[in-house]
Amino acid sequence: MLSNKINFFCPNCSSDKYIGKTTIGKNYKDEPYKNVTSEIQCAKCFMDIPSIISENISPDKQNEMSKLWNEIYNHHIKKMLHNVKMF
């Protein structure tokens, strides 16, 4: 686990610890990942969180980012997983 060298807030579990930050290689043309260029993996819940809603978030915006995560990104991930067909 990396020390907290960036200001990280996990909107999924409220942790401030992270494992690493990765750049997304694929350019998504559709929402909600259209403007996401990197993700940060939370050290507590292990979710890959878009950096635009988890990095350098001021304390007064944390509830807003948690709501955004739950309503848009987390919902999108669950929908994608539901549509995956196992062989």
C-alpha atoms as a PDB file:
ATOM      1  CA  MET A   1       0.000   0.000   0.000  1.00  0.00           C
ATOM      2  CA  LEU A   2       1.307   3.413  -0.904  1.00  0.00           C
ATOM      3  CA  SER A   3       1.545   6.119   1.663  1.00  0.00           C
ATOM      4  CA  ASN A   4      -1.000   8.846   1.165  1.00  0.00           C
ATOM      5  CA  LYS A   5       1.042  10.971  -1.269  1.00  0.00           C
ATOM      6  CA  ILE A   6      -2.094  12.145  -3.022  1.00  0.00           C
ATOM      7  CA  ASN A   7      -5.207  13.459  -1.382  1.00  0.00           C
ATOM      8  CA  PHE A   8      -7.502  10.439  -1.882  1.00  0.00           C
ATOM      9  CA  PHE A   9     -11.119  10.009  -0.793  1.00  0.00           C
ATOM     10  CA  CYS A  10     -12.982   6.803  -1.607  1.00  0.00           C
ATOM     11  CA  PRO A  11     -16.627   7.661  -2.311  1.00  0.00           C
ATOM     12  CA  ASN A  12     -17.508   3.977  -1.890  1.00  0.00           C
ATOM     13  CA  CYS A  13     -16.212   3.397   1.655  1.00  0.00           C
ATOM     14  CA  SER A  14     -14.791   6.800   2.776  1.00  0.00           C
ATOM     15  CA  SER A  15     -11.231   5.496   3.136  1.00  0.00           C
ATOM     16  CA  ASP A  16      -8.259   7.779   2.524  1.00  0.00           C
ATOM     17  CA  LYS A  17      -5.828   4.916   1.792  1.00  0.00           C
ATOM     18  CA  TYR A  18      -5.115   3.728  -1.720  1.00  0.00           C
ATOM     19  CA  ILE A  19      -3.093   1.015  -3.438  1.00  0.00           C
ATOM     20  CA  GLY A  20      -2.228   2.733  -6.674  1.00  0.00           C
ATOM     21  CA  LYS A  21      -3.270   4.991  -9.502  1.00  0.00           C
ATOM     22  CA  THR A  22      -3.521   3.756 -13.072  1.00  0.00           C
ATOM     23  CA  THR A  23      -4.123   5.458 -16.379  1.00  0.00           C
ATOM     24  CA  ILE A  24      -6.992   4.106 -18.425  1.00  0.00           C
ATOM     25  CA  GLY A  25      -5.663   2.943 -21.773  1.00  0.00           C
ATOM     26  CA  LYS A  26      -8.993   2.919 -23.558  1.00  0.00           C
ATOM     27  CA  ASN A  27     -10.664   6.186 -24.496  1.00  0.00           C
ATOM     28  CA  TYR A  28     -14.342   5.843 -23.712  1.00  0.00           C
ATOM     29  CA  LYS A  29     -16.661   7.833 -25.933  1.00  0.00           C
ATOM     30  CA  ASP A  30     -19.748   7.262 -23.800  1.00  0.00           C
ATOM     31  CA  GLU A  31     -20.700   8.469 -20.355  1.00  0.00           C
ATOM     32  CA  PRO A  32     -19.971   8.059 -17.514  1.00  0.00           C
ATOM     33  CA  TYR A  33     -16.315   7.257 -18.297  1.00  0.00           C
ATOM     34  CA  LYS A  34     -16.015   9.771 -21.141  1.00  0.00           C
ATOM     35  CA  ASN A  35     -13.849  12.193 -19.126  1.00  0.00           C
ATOM     36  CA  VAL A  36     -12.076   9.613 -16.952  1.00  0.00           C
ATOM     37  CA  THR A  37      -8.370   9.288 -17.694  1.00  0.00           C
ATOM     38  CA  SER A  38      -7.209   7.493 -14.530  1.00  0.00           C
ATOM     39  CA  GLU A  39      -8.492   5.430 -11.615  1.00  0.00           C
ATOM     40  CA  ILE A  40      -7.275   4.971  -8.062  1.00  0.00           C
ATOM     41  CA  GLN A  41      -7.697   1.627  -6.317  1.00  0.00           C
ATOM     42  CA  CYS A  42      -8.934   1.893  -2.749  1.00  0.00           C
ATOM     43  CA  ALA A  43      -6.941  -0.082  -0.173  1.00  0.00           C
ATOM     44  CA  LYS A  44     -10.039  -0.817   1.907  1.00  0.00           C
ATOM     45  CA  CYS A  45     -12.796  -1.823  -0.556  1.00  0.00           C
ATOM     46  CA  PHE A  46     -10.495  -2.498  -3.572  1.00  0.00           C
ATOM     47  CA  MET A  47     -12.780  -0.612  -5.952  1.00  0.00           C
ATOM     48  CA  ASP A  48     -11.189   1.237  -8.852  1.00  0.00           C
ATOM     49  CA  ILE A  49     -12.496   4.764  -8.453  1.00  0.00           C
ATOM     50  CA  PRO A  50     -12.260   7.400 -11.200  1.00  0.00           C
ATOM     51  CA  SER A  51      -9.720   9.975 -10.075  1.00  0.00           C
ATOM     52  CA  ILE A  52     -12.054  12.823 -11.069  1.00  0.00           C
ATOM     53  CA  ILE A  53     -14.285  11.926  -8.103  1.00  0.00           C
ATOM     54  CA  SER A  54     -11.656  10.652  -5.652  1.00  0.00           C
ATOM     55  CA  GLU A  55      -8.509  12.773  -5.922  1.00  0.00           C
ATOM     56  CA  ASN A  56      -8.106  16.171  -4.264  1.00  0.00           C
ATOM     57  CA  ILE A  57     -11.728  16.284  -3.129  1.00  0.00           C
ATOM     58  CA  SER A  58     -12.399  18.899  -0.468  1.00  0.00           C
ATOM     59  CA  PRO A  59     -14.215  17.667   2.647  1.00  0.00           C
ATOM     60  CA  ASP A  60     -17.299  19.743   1.801  1.00  0.00           C
ATOM     61  CA  LYS A  61     -17.626  17.887  -1.553  1.00  0.00           C
ATOM     62  CA  GLN A  62     -17.173  14.325  -0.244  1.00  0.00           C
ATOM     63  CA  ASN A  63     -20.889  13.601   0.208  1.00  0.00           C
ATOM     64  CA  GLU A  64     -21.553  14.906  -3.291  1.00  0.00           C
ATOM     65  CA  MET A  65     -18.842  12.621  -4.731  1.00  0.00           C
ATOM     66  CA  SER A  66     -20.235   9.615  -2.810  1.00  0.00           C
ATOM     67  CA  LYS A  67     -23.674  10.313  -4.254  1.00  0.00           C
ATOM     68  CA  LEU A  68     -22.219  10.671  -7.756  1.00  0.00           C
ATOM     69  CA  TRP A  69     -20.311   7.390  -7.334  1.00  0.00           C
ATOM     70  CA  ASN A  70     -23.377   5.477  -6.159  1.00  0.00           C
ATOM     71  CA  GLU A  71     -25.826   6.913  -8.660  1.00  0.00           C
ATOM     72  CA  ILE A  72     -23.679   6.948 -11.776  1.00  0.00           C
ATOM     73  CA  TYR A  73     -20.387   5.051 -11.696  1.00  0.00           C
ATOM     74  CA  ASN A  74     -21.219   2.166  -9.347  1.00  0.00           C
ATOM     75  CA  HIS A  75     -24.579   1.711 -11.088  1.00  0.00           C
ATOM     76  CA  HIS A  76     -22.794   1.640 -14.459  1.00  0.00           C
ATOM     77  CA  ILE A  77     -20.338  -1.020 -13.220  1.00  0.00           C
ATOM     78  CA  LYS A  78     -23.148  -3.208 -11.873  1.00  0.00           C
ATOM     79  CA  LYS A  79     -25.034  -2.858 -15.155  1.00  0.00           C
ATOM     80  CA  MET A  80     -21.934  -3.863 -17.145  1.00  0.00           C
ATOM     81  CA  LEU A  81     -21.329  -6.888 -14.923  1.00  0.00           C
ATOM     82  CA  HIS A  82     -24.955  -7.916 -15.223  1.00  0.00           C
ATOM     83  CA  ASN A  83     -24.663  -7.855 -19.032  1.00  0.00           C
ATOM     84  CA  VAL A  84     -21.505  -9.998 -19.110  1.00  0.00           C
ATOM     85  CA  LYS A  85     -22.273 -13.435 -20.479  1.00  0.00           C
ATOM     86  CA  MET A  86     -20.344 -16.298 -19.040  1.00  0.00           C
ATOM     87  CA  PHE A  87     -19.426 -19.034 -21.457  1.00  0.00           C
END
